[in-house]
PDB file of N, CA and C in Angstrom:
ATOM      1  N   MET A   1      31.434 -50.739 -51.200  1.00  0.00           N
ATOM      2  CA  MET A   1      31.700 -49.168 -51.579  1.00  0.00           C
ATOM      3  C   MET A   1      31.558 -48.680 -50.084  1.00  0.00           C
ATOM      4  N   HIS A   2      33.046 -47.794 -50.631  1.00  0.00           N
ATOM      5  CA  HIS A   2      33.166 -47.585 -48.960  1.00  0.00           C
ATOM      6  C   HIS A   2      33.264 -45.507 -49.137  1.00  0.00           C
ATOM      7  N   ILE A   3      32.597 -45.367 -48.558  1.00  0.00           N
ATOM      8  CA  ILE A   3      32.079 -43.434 -47.977  1.00  0.00           C
ATOM      9  C   ILE A   3      33.276 -42.812 -46.993  1.00  0.00           C
ATOM     10  N   GLY A   4      34.119 -42.579 -47.986  1.00  0.00           N
ATOM     11  CA  GLY A   4      35.625 -41.319 -47.044  1.00  0.00           C
ATOM     12  C   GLY A   4      35.035 -40.219 -46.397  1.00  0.00           C
ATOM     13  N   HIS A   5      35.884 -40.375 -45.524  1.00  0.00           N
ATOM     14  CA  HIS A   5      35.538 -39.467 -44.300  1.00  0.00           C
ATOM     15  C   HIS A   5      34.994 -37.812 -45.154  1.00  0.00           C
ATOM     16  N   LYS A   6      35.592 -37.031 -45.899  1.00  0.00           N
ATOM     17  CA  LYS A   6      35.826 -35.922 -47.116  1.00  0.00           C
ATOM     18  C   LYS A   6      34.716 -35.323 -47.307  1.00  0.00           C
ATOM     19  N   GLN A   7      33.660 -36.947 -47.280  1.00  0.00           N
ATOM     20  CA  GLN A   7      32.301 -36.054 -47.547  1.00  0.00           C
ATOM     21  C   GLN A   7      31.629 -36.130 -46.640  1.00  0.00           C
ATOM     22  N   PHE A   8      31.941 -35.913 -45.093  1.00  0.00           N
ATOM     23  CA  PHE A   8      31.212 -35.514 -44.220  1.00  0.00           C
ATOM     24  C   PHE A   8      32.089 -34.098 -43.745  1.00  0.00           C
ATOM     25  N   HIS A   9      32.974 -33.469 -44.236  1.00  0.00           N
ATOM     26  CA  HIS A   9      33.606 -32.574 -43.294  1.00  0.00           C
ATOM     27  C   HIS A   9      32.938 -31.008 -42.320  1.00  0.00           C
ATOM     28  N   GLY A  10      31.212 -31.246 -42.876  1.00  0.00           N
ATOM     29  CA  GLY A  10      30.768 -30.237 -42.536  1.00  0.00           C
ATOM     30  C   GLY A  10      30.331 -30.482 -40.538  1.00  0.00           C
ATOM     31  N   ARG A  11      29.615 -30.237 -39.924  1.00  0.00           N
ATOM     32  CA  ARG A  11      29.451 -29.671 -38.698  1.00  0.00           C
ATOM     33  C   ARG A  11      27.767 -30.551 -38.541  1.00  0.00           C
ATOM     34  N   SER A  12      27.864 -31.211 -37.488  1.00  0.00           N
ATOM     35  CA  SER A  12      26.341 -31.243 -37.282  1.00  0.00           C
ATOM     36  C   SER A  12      26.485 -31.086 -35.288  1.00  0.00           C
ATOM     37  N   GLY A  13      25.450 -30.821 -35.515  1.00  0.00           N
ATOM     38  CA  GLY A  13      24.898 -30.438 -34.106  1.00  0.00           C
ATOM     39  C   GLY A  13      25.763 -28.984 -33.266  1.00  0.00           C
ATOM     40  N   LEU A  14      25.462 -29.152 -32.138  1.00  0.00           N
ATOM     41  CA  LEU A  14      26.072 -27.671 -31.268  1.00  0.00           C
ATOM     42  C   LEU A  14      27.559 -28.271 -30.442  1.00  0.00           C
ATOM     43  N   GLY A  15      27.530 -27.192 -30.367  1.00  0.00           N
ATOM     44  CA  GLY A  15      29.227 -27.162 -29.547  1.00  0.00           C
ATOM     45  C   GLY A  15      29.024 -26.997 -28.355  1.00  0.00           C
ATOM     46  N   LEU A  16      30.296 -27.260 -27.410  1.00  0.00           N
ATOM     47  CA  LEU A  16      29.951 -26.832 -25.671  1.00  0.00           C
ATOM     48  C   LEU A  16      29.582 -25.597 -25.689  1.00  0.00           C
ATOM     49  N   ILE A  17      30.200 -25.150 -25.865  1.00  0.00           N
ATOM     50  CA  ILE A  17      30.231 -23.295 -25.998  1.00  0.00           C
ATOM     51  C   ILE A  17      28.720 -22.544 -26.854  1.00  0.00           C
ATOM     52  N   GLU A  18      28.386 -23.498 -27.665  1.00  0.00           N
ATOM     53  CA  GLU A  18      27.168 -22.758 -27.995  1.00  0.00           C
ATOM     54  C   GLU A  18      25.543 -23.003 -27.261  1.00  0.00           C
ATOM     55  N   VAL A  19      25.668 -24.232 -26.265  1.00  0.00           N
ATOM     56  CA  VAL A  19      24.904 -25.101 -25.624  1.00  0.00           C
ATOM     57  C   VAL A  19      25.102 -24.100 -24.484  1.00  0.00           C
ATOM     58  N   THR A  20      26.928 -23.654 -23.929  1.00  0.00           N
ATOM     59  CA  THR A  20      26.332 -23.026 -22.605  1.00  0.00           C
ATOM     60  C   THR A  20      26.349 -21.558 -22.493  1.00  0.00           C
ATOM     61  N   ILE A  21      26.417 -21.137 -23.824  1.00  0.00           N
ATOM     62  CA  ILE A  21      25.469 -19.485 -24.026  1.00  0.00           C
ATOM     63  C   ILE A  21      24.030 -19.741 -24.283  1.00  0.00           C
ATOM     64  N   SER A  22      23.663 -20.599 -25.073  1.00  0.00           N
ATOM     65  CA  SER A  22      22.241 -20.727 -25.028  1.00  0.00           C
ATOM     66  C   SER A  22      21.225 -20.907 -23.489  1.00  0.00           C
ATOM     67  N   ALA A  23      22.296 -21.570 -22.625  1.00  0.00           N
ATOM     68  CA  ALA A  23      21.626 -22.113 -21.438  1.00  0.00           C
ATOM     69  C   ALA A  23      22.052 -21.163 -20.502  1.00  0.00           C
ATOM     70  N   THR A  24      22.705 -19.692 -20.319  1.00  0.00           N
ATOM     71  CA  THR A  24      22.786 -18.723 -19.969  1.00  0.00           C
ATOM     72  C   THR A  24      21.916 -18.102 -20.239  1.00  0.00           C
ATOM     73  N   ILE A  25      21.669 -17.635 -21.299  1.00  0.00           N
ATOM     74  CA  ILE A  25      20.939 -17.015 -21.679  1.00  0.00           C
ATOM     75  C   ILE A  25      19.322 -17.393 -21.186  1.00  0.00           C
ATOM     76  N   LEU A  26      18.676 -18.578 -21.602  1.00  0.00           N
ATOM     77  CA  LEU A  26      17.828 -19.104 -21.263  1.00  0.00           C
ATOM     78  C   LEU A  26      17.286 -19.048 -20.175  1.00  0.00           C
ATOM     79  N   PHE A  27      18.247 -18.721 -18.519  1.00  0.00           N
ATOM     80  CA  PHE A  27      18.884 -18.891 -17.140  1.00  0.00           C
ATOM     81  C   PHE A  27      18.144 -17.362 -17.175  1.00  0.00           C
ATOM     82  N   LEU A  28      18.475 -16.382 -17.887  1.00  0.00           N
ATOM     83  CA  LEU A  28      18.154 -14.903 -17.802  1.00  0.00           C
ATOM     84  C   LEU A  28      16.818 -14.593 -18.234  1.00  0.00           C
ATOM     85  N   LEU A  29      16.618 -15.634 -18.596  1.00  0.00           N
ATOM     86  CA  LEU A  29      15.143 -14.800 -19.265  1.00  0.00           C
ATOM     87  C   LEU A  29      14.213 -15.411 -18.048  1.00  0.00           C
ATOM     88  N   ALA A  30      15.107 -16.821 -17.753  1.00  0.00           N
ATOM     89  CA  ALA A  30      13.665 -17.807 -17.039  1.00  0.00           C
ATOM     90  C   ALA A  30      13.752 -16.834 -14.839  1.00  0.00           C
ATOM     91  N   ALA A  31      14.702 -16.356 -14.750  1.00  0.00           N
ATOM     92  CA  ALA A  31      15.278 -15.469 -13.776  1.00  0.00           C
ATOM     93  C   ALA A  31      14.356 -14.294 -13.795  1.00  0.00           C
ATOM     94  N   SER A  32      14.255 -13.583 -14.926  1.00  0.00           N
ATOM     95  CA  SER A  32      13.733 -12.130 -14.892  1.00  0.00           C
ATOM     96  C   SER A  32      12.283 -12.659 -15.119  1.00  0.00           C
ATOM     97  N   LEU A  33      11.340 -13.495 -15.671  1.00  0.00           N
ATOM     98  CA  LEU A  33      10.254 -13.874 -14.713  1.00  0.00           C
ATOM     99  C   LEU A  33       9.752 -14.197 -13.880  1.00  0.00           C
ATOM    100  N   VAL A  34      10.433 -15.128 -13.256  1.00  0.00           N
ATOM    101  CA  VAL A  34      10.429 -15.071 -11.774  1.00  0.00           C
ATOM    102  C   VAL A  34      10.314 -14.098 -11.103  1.00  0.00           C
ATOM    103  N   GLU A  35      10.902 -12.635 -11.282  1.00  0.00           N
ATOM    104  CA  GLU A  35      11.339 -11.752 -10.313  1.00  0.00           C
ATOM    105  C   GLU A  35       9.713 -10.864 -11.313  1.00  0.00           C
ATOM    106  N   ALA A  36       9.699 -10.866 -12.422  1.00  0.00           N
ATOM    107  CA  ALA A  36       8.733 -10.453 -12.456  1.00  0.00           C
ATOM    108  C   ALA A  36       7.155 -10.771 -11.888  1.00  0.00           C
ATOM    109  N   VAL A  37       7.294 -12.011 -11.645  1.00  0.00           N
ATOM    110  CA  VAL A  37       5.944 -12.709 -10.949  1.00  0.00           C
ATOM    111  C   VAL A  37       5.806 -12.525  -9.802  1.00  0.00           C
ATOM    112  N   ASP A  38       6.961 -12.168  -8.705  1.00  0.00           N
ATOM    113  CA  ASP A  38       7.459 -11.755  -7.651  1.00  0.00           C
ATOM    114  C   ASP A  38       6.510 -10.743  -7.415  1.00  0.00           C
ATOM    115  N   GLN A  39       6.960  -9.194  -8.483  1.00  0.00           N
ATOM    116  CA  GLN A  39       6.507  -7.914  -8.688  1.00  0.00           C
ATOM    117  C   GLN A  39       5.346  -7.757  -8.261  1.00  0.00           C
ATOM    118  N   VAL A  40       5.086  -8.348  -9.340  1.00  0.00           N
ATOM    119  CA  VAL A  40       3.224  -8.622  -9.254  1.00  0.00           C
ATOM    120  C   VAL A  40       2.523  -8.800  -8.051  1.00  0.00           C
ATOM    121  N   GLY A  41       2.997  -9.913  -7.757  1.00  0.00           N
ATOM    122  CA  GLY A  41       2.350 -11.033  -6.845  1.00  0.00           C
ATOM    123  C   GLY A  41       2.561  -9.497  -5.232  1.00  0.00           C
ATOM    124  N   ALA A  42       4.057  -8.751  -5.133  1.00  0.00           N
ATOM    125  CA  ALA A  42       3.791  -7.825  -3.827  1.00  0.00           C
ATOM    126  C   ALA A  42       2.805  -6.859  -4.373  1.00  0.00           C
ATOM    127  N   LEU A  43       2.490  -6.088  -5.339  1.00  0.00           N
ATOM    128  CA  LEU A  43       1.786  -5.430  -5.829  1.00  0.00           C
ATOM    129  C   LEU A  43       0.528  -5.726  -5.519  1.00  0.00           C
ATOM    130  N   GLY A  44      -0.148  -6.715  -5.980  1.00  0.00           N
ATOM    131  CA  GLY A  44      -1.456  -6.812  -5.334  1.00  0.00           C
ATOM    132  C   GLY A  44      -1.524  -7.257  -3.771  1.00  0.00           C
ATOM    133  N   ARG A  45      -0.792  -7.859  -3.419  1.00  0.00           N
ATOM    134  CA  ARG A  45      -0.865  -8.009  -2.096  1.00  0.00           C
ATOM    135  C   ARG A  45      -0.658  -6.958  -1.159  1.00  0.00           C
ATOM    136  N   ALA A  46       0.166  -5.812  -1.403  1.00  0.00           N
ATOM    137  CA  ALA A  46       0.533  -4.091  -1.038  1.00  0.00           C
ATOM    138  C   ALA A  46      -1.387  -3.769  -0.844  1.00  0.00           C
ATOM    139  N   GLY A  47      -1.806  -3.877  -2.740  1.00  0.00           N
ATOM    140  CA  GLY A  47      -2.964  -2.960  -3.128  1.00  0.00           C
ATOM    141  C   GLY A  47      -3.843  -3.245  -1.738  1.00  0.00           C
ATOM    142  N   SER A  48      -4.225  -5.229  -1.651  1.00  0.00           N
ATOM    143  CA  SER A  48      -5.263  -5.441  -1.122  1.00  0.00           C
ATOM    144  C   SER A  48      -4.720  -5.126   0.374  1.00  0.00           C
ATOM    145  N   VAL A  49      -3.724  -4.902   1.374  1.00  0.00           N
ATOM    146  CA  VAL A  49      -3.522  -4.568   2.483  1.00  0.00           C
ATOM    147  C   VAL A  49      -3.713  -2.958   2.391  1.00  0.00           C
ATOM    148  N   ASP A  50      -3.640  -2.252   1.797  1.00  0.00           N
ATOM    149  CA  ASP A  50      -3.772  -0.754   1.688  1.00  0.00           C
ATOM    150  C   ASP A  50      -5.962  -0.688   1.931  1.00  0.00           C
ATOM    151  N   GLY A  51      -6.325  -1.056   1.008  1.00  0.00           N
ATOM    152  CA  GLY A  51      -7.961  -1.508   0.792  1.00  0.00           C
ATOM    153  C   GLY A  51      -8.448  -2.038   1.756  1.00  0.00           C
ATOM    154  N   ARG A  52      -7.308  -2.942   2.823  1.00  0.00           N
ATOM    155  CA  ARG A  52      -8.442  -2.950   3.952  1.00  0.00           C
ATOM    156  C   ARG A  52      -8.163  -2.567   5.149  1.00  0.00           C
ATOM    157  N   MET A  53      -6.904  -1.405   5.152  1.00  0.00           N
ATOM    158  CA  MET A  53      -6.779  -0.898   5.836  1.00  0.00           C
ATOM    159  C   MET A  53      -7.903   0.403   5.856  1.00  0.00           C
ATOM    160  N   GLN A  54      -8.111   0.936   4.318  1.00  0.00           N
ATOM    161  CA  GLN A  54      -9.018   2.034   4.180  1.00  0.00           C
ATOM    162  C   GLN A  54     -10.186   1.363   5.078  1.00  0.00           C
ATOM    163  N   ILE A  55     -10.687   0.578   4.376  1.00  0.00           N
ATOM    164  CA  ILE A  55     -12.356  -0.096   5.042  1.00  0.00           C
ATOM    165  C   ILE A  55     -12.277   0.249   6.477  1.00  0.00           C
ATOM    166  N   ASP A  56     -11.494  -1.065   7.151  1.00  0.00           N
ATOM    167  CA  ASP A  56     -11.252  -0.567   8.743  1.00  0.00           C
ATOM    168  C   ASP A  56     -11.244   0.939   8.759  1.00  0.00           C
ATOM    169  N   ALA A  57     -10.268   1.751   8.264  1.00  0.00           N
ATOM    170  CA  ALA A  57     -10.552   3.146   9.298  1.00  0.00           C
ATOM    171  C   ALA A  57     -11.504   3.453   8.687  1.00  0.00           C
ATOM    172  N   GLN A  58     -12.436   3.556   7.985  1.00  0.00           N
ATOM    173  CA  GLN A  58     -14.091   4.328   7.458  1.00  0.00           C
ATOM    174  C   GLN A  58     -14.989   3.560   8.413  1.00  0.00           C
ATOM    175  N   ASP A  59     -14.552   2.143   8.863  1.00  0.00           N
ATOM    176  CA  ASP A  59     -15.451   1.107   9.776  1.00  0.00           C
ATOM    177  C   ASP A  59     -15.554   2.364  11.379  1.00  0.00           C
ATOM    178  N   ALA A  60     -13.955   2.893  11.441  1.00  0.00           N
ATOM    179  CA  ALA A  60     -13.872   2.935  12.955  1.00  0.00           C
ATOM    180  C   ALA A  60     -14.651   4.490  12.913  1.00  0.00           C
ATOM    181  N   VAL A  61     -14.296   5.145  11.848  1.00  0.00           N
ATOM    182  CA  VAL A  61     -15.220   6.582  11.955  1.00  0.00           C
ATOM    183  C   VAL A  61     -16.517   6.513  11.897  1.00  0.00           C
ATOM    184  N   THR A  62     -17.277   5.583  11.405  1.00  0.00           N
ATOM    185  CA  THR A  62     -18.939   5.595  11.385  1.00  0.00           C
ATOM    186  C   THR A  62     -19.238   5.239  12.324  1.00  0.00           C
ATOM    187  N   LYS A  63     -18.215   4.110  13.234  1.00  0.00           N
ATOM    188  CA  LYS A  63     -18.635   3.822  14.562  1.00  0.00           C
ATOM    189  C   LYS A  63     -18.352   4.775  15.720  1.00  0.00           C
ATOM    190  N   ILE A  64     -17.537   5.751  15.604  1.00  0.00           N
ATOM    191  CA  ILE A  64     -17.285   7.004  16.333  1.00  0.00           C
ATOM    192  C   ILE A  64     -18.070   8.164  15.582  1.00  0.00           C
ATOM    193  N   THR A  65     -18.427   8.263  14.892  1.00  0.00           N
ATOM    194  CA  THR A  65     -19.557   9.172  14.803  1.00  0.00           C
ATOM    195  C   THR A  65     -20.685   8.402  15.346  1.00  0.00           C
ATOM    196  N   GLN A  66     -21.139   7.594  15.049  1.00  0.00           N
ATOM    197  CA  GLN A  66     -22.407   6.997  15.464  1.00  0.00           C
ATOM    198  C   GLN A  66     -22.594   7.264  17.420  1.00  0.00           C
ATOM    199  N   ASP A  67     -21.278   6.755  18.326  1.00  0.00           N
ATOM    200  CA  ASP A  67     -21.334   7.086  20.019  1.00  0.00           C
ATOM    201  C   ASP A  67     -21.272   8.145  19.599  1.00  0.00           C
ATOM    202  N   LEU A  68     -21.046   9.350  18.968  1.00  0.00           N
ATOM    203  CA  LEU A  68     -20.866  10.238  19.066  1.00  0.00           C
ATOM    204  C   LEU A  68     -22.485  11.112  19.002  1.00  0.00           C
ATOM    205  N   LYS A  69     -23.126  10.747  17.874  1.00  0.00           N
ATOM    206  CA  LYS A  69     -24.403  11.367  18.236  1.00  0.00           C
ATOM    207  C   LYS A  69     -25.342  10.958  18.938  1.00  0.00           C
ATOM    208  N   ALA A  70     -24.750   9.420  19.901  1.00  0.00           N
ATOM    209  CA  ALA A  70     -25.333   8.774  20.390  1.00  0.00           C
ATOM    210  C   ALA A  70     -25.636  10.061  22.225  1.00  0.00           C
ATOM    211  N   ALA A  71     -24.064  10.225  22.238  1.00  0.00           N
ATOM    212  CA  ALA A  71     -23.775  11.117  23.399  1.00  0.00           C
ATOM    213  C   ALA A  71     -24.881  12.232  23.972  1.00  0.00           C
ATOM    214  N   ALA A  72     -25.629  11.895  24.725  1.00  0.00           N
ATOM    215  CA  ALA A  72     -26.633  12.799  24.793  1.00  0.00           C
ATOM    216  C   ALA A  72     -25.762  14.441  26.278  1.00  0.00           C
ATOM    217  N   PHE A  73     -26.323  15.901  25.774  1.00  0.00           N
ATOM    218  CA  PHE A  73     -25.932  16.408  26.611  1.00  0.00           C
ATOM    219  C   PHE A  73     -26.126  16.450  28.436  1.00  0.00           C
ATOM    220  N   VAL A  74     -25.269  16.340  29.232  1.00  0.00           N
ATOM    221  CA  VAL A  74     -25.700  15.935  30.607  1.00  0.00           C
ATOM    222  C   VAL A  74     -25.288  18.210  30.804  1.00  0.00           C
ATOM    223  N   ASN A  75     -26.127  18.021  32.378  1.00  0.00           N
ATOM    224  CA  ASN A  75     -26.214  19.525  32.613  1.00  0.00           C
ATOM    225  C   ASN A  75     -25.645  19.146  33.941  1.00  0.00           C
ATOM    226  N   ALA A  76     -24.715  19.393  34.869  1.00  0.00           N
ATOM    227  CA  ALA A  76     -24.252  19.337  35.764  1.00  0.00           C
ATOM    228  C   ALA A  76     -23.775  20.572  36.433  1.00  0.00           C
ATOM    229  N   ASN A  77     -23.565  21.111  37.622  1.00  0.00           N
ATOM    230  CA  ASN A  77     -23.676  22.844  37.462  1.00  0.00           C
ATOM    231  C   ASN A  77     -23.843  23.830  36.972  1.00  0.00           C
ATOM    232  N   GLY A  78     -24.778  23.752  36.186  1.00  0.00           N
ATOM    233  CA  GLY A  78     -25.554  24.305  35.530  1.00  0.00           C
ATOM    234  C   GLY A  78     -24.826  24.423  33.886  1.00  0.00           C
ATOM    235  N   LYS A  79     -23.622  23.391  33.703  1.00  0.00           N
ATOM    236  CA  LYS A  79     -23.418  23.149  32.392  1.00  0.00           C
ATOM    237  C   LYS A  79     -23.690  22.186  31.837  1.00  0.00           C
ATOM    238  N   ASP A  80     -23.240  22.220  30.600  1.00  0.00           N
ATOM    239  CA  ASP A  80     -23.662  21.305  29.478  1.00  0.00           C
ATOM    240  C   ASP A  80     -22.646  20.575  29.238  1.00  0.00           C
ATOM    241  N   TYR A  81     -22.856  19.153  28.874  1.00  0.00           N
ATOM    242  CA  TYR A  81     -21.401  18.851  28.971  1.00  0.00           C
ATOM    243  C   TYR A  81     -22.322  17.675  27.721  1.00  0.00           C
ATOM    244  N   PRO A  82     -20.980  17.068  26.403  1.00  0.00           N
ATOM    245  CA  PRO A  82     -19.978  17.399  26.025  1.00  0.00           C
ATOM    246  C   PRO A  82     -20.341  19.420  25.996  1.00  0.00           C
ATOM    247  N   TYR A  83     -19.424  19.986  26.998  1.00  0.00           N
ATOM    248  CA  TYR A  83     -18.788  21.313  26.434  1.00  0.00           C
ATOM    249  C   TYR A  83     -18.563  21.734  24.893  1.00  0.00           C
ATOM    250  N   LEU A  84     -19.170  22.884  24.031  1.00  0.00           N
ATOM    251  CA  LEU A  84     -18.457  22.715  23.038  1.00  0.00           C
ATOM    252  C   LEU A  84     -18.249  24.404  22.827  1.00  0.00           C
ATOM    253  N   PHE A  85     -16.913  24.756  22.040  1.00  0.00           N
ATOM    254  CA  PHE A  85     -16.490  25.576  22.380  1.00  0.00           C
ATOM    255  C   PHE A  85     -17.068  26.225  20.373  1.00  0.00           C
ATOM    256  N   GLU A  86     -17.304  27.162  20.451  1.00  0.00           N
ATOM    257  CA  GLU A  86     -17.953  28.129  19.509  1.00  0.00           C
ATOM    258  C   GLU A  86     -16.689  28.829  18.507  1.00  0.00           C
ATOM    259  N   ASP A  87     -16.309  28.698  17.143  1.00  0.00           N
ATOM    260  CA  ASP A  87     -15.322  29.489  17.281  1.00  0.00           C
ATOM    261  C   ASP A  87     -14.201  29.240  17.883  1.00  0.00           C
ATOM    262  N   GLY A  88     -14.008  28.423  18.673  1.00  0.00           N
ATOM    263  CA  GLY A  88     -12.230  27.911  19.571  1.00  0.00           C
ATOM    264  C   GLY A  88     -12.428  29.102  20.675  1.00  0.00           C
ATOM    265  N   ASP A  89     -13.531  29.881  21.186  1.00  0.00           N
ATOM    266  CA  ASP A  89     -13.443  30.613  22.350  1.00  0.00           C
ATOM    267  C   ASP A  89     -14.123  30.104  23.363  1.00  0.00           C
ATOM    268  N   ALA A  90     -13.941  29.854  24.353  1.00  0.00           N
ATOM    269  CA  ALA A  90     -14.052  29.128  25.298  1.00  0.00           C
ATOM    270  C   ALA A  90     -14.256  30.193  26.494  1.00  0.00           C
ATOM    271  N   ASP A  91     -15.223  29.818  27.512  1.00  0.00           N
ATOM    272  CA  ASP A  91     -15.650  30.979  28.555  1.00  0.00           C
ATOM    273  C   ASP A  91     -16.057  30.671  29.487  1.00  0.00           C
ATOM    274  N   GLY A  92     -15.683  31.159  30.903  1.00  0.00           N
ATOM    275  CA  GLY A  92     -16.122  31.038  32.633  1.00  0.00           C
ATOM    276  C   GLY A  92     -14.807  29.748  32.669  1.00  0.00           C
ATOM    277  N   ASP A  93     -14.880  28.488  32.515  1.00  0.00           N
ATOM    278  CA  ASP A  93     -14.414  28.175  33.938  1.00  0.00           C
ATOM    279  C   ASP A  93     -13.268  26.846  32.887  1.00  0.00           C
ATOM    280  N   PHE A  94     -13.751  27.436  31.036  1.00  0.00           N
ATOM    281  CA  PHE A  94     -13.149  26.370  30.446  1.00  0.00           C
ATOM    282  C   PHE A  94     -12.318  28.152  29.593  1.00  0.00           C
ATOM    283  N   ALA A  95     -12.628  28.306  29.827  1.00  0.00           N
ATOM    284  CA  ALA A  95     -11.446  29.869  29.822  1.00  0.00           C
ATOM    285  C   ALA A  95      -9.771  28.875  29.177  1.00  0.00           C
ATOM    286  N   ALA A  96      -9.212  28.486  29.863  1.00  0.00           N
ATOM    287  CA  ALA A  96      -8.191  28.116  29.766  1.00  0.00           C
ATOM    288  C   ALA A  96      -7.838  27.612  28.711  1.00  0.00           C
ATOM    289  N   HIS A  97      -8.740  26.789  27.931  1.00  0.00           N
ATOM    290  CA  HIS A  97      -8.946  26.164  26.731  1.00  0.00           C
ATOM    291  C   HIS A  97      -9.215  26.684  25.600  1.00  0.00           C
ATOM    292  N   SER A  98      -9.085  28.057  25.798  1.00  0.00           N
ATOM    293  CA  SER A  98     -10.093  29.311  24.864  1.00  0.00           C
ATOM    294  C   SER A  98      -8.375  28.707  23.563  1.00  0.00           C
ATOM    295  N   HIS A  99      -8.543  28.948  21.855  1.00  0.00           N
ATOM    296  CA  HIS A  99      -7.627  28.726  21.314  1.00  0.00           C
ATOM    297  C   HIS A  99      -8.049  29.784  20.300  1.00  0.00           C
ATOM    298  N   PRO A 100      -7.153  29.719  18.932  1.00  0.00           N
ATOM    299  CA  PRO A 100      -7.373  30.768  17.603  1.00  0.00           C
ATOM    300  C   PRO A 100      -7.890  29.813  16.911  1.00  0.00           C
ATOM    301  N   VAL A 101      -9.311  30.519  16.068  1.00  0.00           N
ATOM    302  CA  VAL A 101      -9.811  29.262  14.997  1.00  0.00           C
ATOM    303  C   VAL A 101      -9.480  28.855  14.156  1.00  0.00           C
ATOM    304  N   PRO A 102      -9.404  27.623  13.884  1.00  0.00           N
ATOM    305  CA  PRO A 102      -9.065  26.932  12.884  1.00  0.00           C
ATOM    306  C   PRO A 102      -8.596  27.311  11.648  1.00  0.00           C
ATOM    307  N   ILE A 103      -8.241  27.298  10.962  1.00  0.00           N
ATOM    308  CA  ILE A 103      -7.518  26.930   9.540  1.00  0.00           C
ATOM    309  C   ILE A 103      -8.125  26.143   9.189  1.00  0.00           C
ATOM    310  N   GLU A 104      -8.763  26.233   7.363  1.00  0.00           N
ATOM    311  CA  GLU A 104      -9.410  24.575   7.091  1.00  0.00           C
ATOM    312  C   GLU A 104      -8.129  24.021   5.971  1.00  0.00           C
ATOM    313  N   HIS A 105      -7.427  25.069   5.348  1.00  0.00           N
ATOM    314  CA  HIS A 105      -6.478  24.292   4.909  1.00  0.00           C
ATOM    315  C   HIS A 105      -4.837  24.637   5.279  1.00  0.00           C
ATOM    316  N   ALA A 106      -4.264  23.204   5.261  1.00  0.00           N
ATOM    317  CA  ALA A 106      -2.741  23.305   6.271  1.00  0.00           C
ATOM    318  C   ALA A 106      -1.912  24.617   4.964  1.00  0.00           C
ATOM    319  N   PRO A 107      -0.879  24.901   6.042  1.00  0.00           N
ATOM    320  CA  PRO A 107       0.081  26.410   4.781  1.00  0.00           C
ATOM    321  C   PRO A 107       0.482  25.117   4.297  1.00  0.00           C
ATOM    322  N   VAL A 108       0.515  25.983   3.234  1.00  0.00           N
ATOM    323  CA  VAL A 108       1.987  25.473   1.633  1.00  0.00           C
ATOM    324  C   VAL A 108       2.971  25.711   2.030  1.00  0.00           C
TER     325      VAL A 108
END
């Protein structure tokens, strides 16, 4: 029994153009996925750096505050040091350092 070629005139499998288009689409999807993962990683690293900087700044302010609280007033030649200005108004030897009272908020 001989089967002629006319019975199998339908195609089977994929052509070169179809494979190329599929590979290109797959490559673009993979590249997009890799880029998205990189972006998420960079965002996480930036957030952890900002958080660490904030903690370090808070620690520095706490240490400075503790040092200032521990600083004692010293009396030399009738003047107490550190000299504190009240409302920015210095007097005596410190009159050159007098300044207007600071505002609480910067102008917008």
